[in-house]
Amino acid sequence: MRLTTIHHIAIICSDYERSKRFYTEILGFRPLREQYRAARRSYKLDLEADGGIQLELFSFENPPKRPSYPEACGLRHLALAVDDMDEAIAYLRRHGIEPEPIRIDEATNKRFTFFQDPDGLPIELYEK
């Protein structure tokens, strides 16, 4: 098998409208397709950012809680690249999001930080 790229990342949210605003209005993902699946009483929103990054945002009634702290088993976090960490942090703060202190990647000497989506999913910003 030869993989060429990650096709998409799927996220289940507890409040669809709140998460939709967060990923589109704050993080800048563009809606590609939105559908309501009546049989599941669930929305599915396909989103895309520059570079072809795609997210699927799902709503389900009463989804179970999942540990999301970085050391829990399973998906650790979603990492997004930025050109200017200081600009990105200032932008998040203007939108009421307080990221963690900046850290330095020991292997690359690149700066990174974490913040959370509305459901507590850890999101990393990594400076290119």
Foldseek 3Di string as FASTA:
>chain_A
DDDDDDQAAEDEDADQVQLVCCCCVQVNWAWDDWDQDVVQRKIWTWTADPPGYIYIYMYGHPDDDDDADQVDPDDRAAEDEDADPVVSQVSCVVVVWHWDDWDADPVPRWIKIWTAGPSRHIYMYTHD
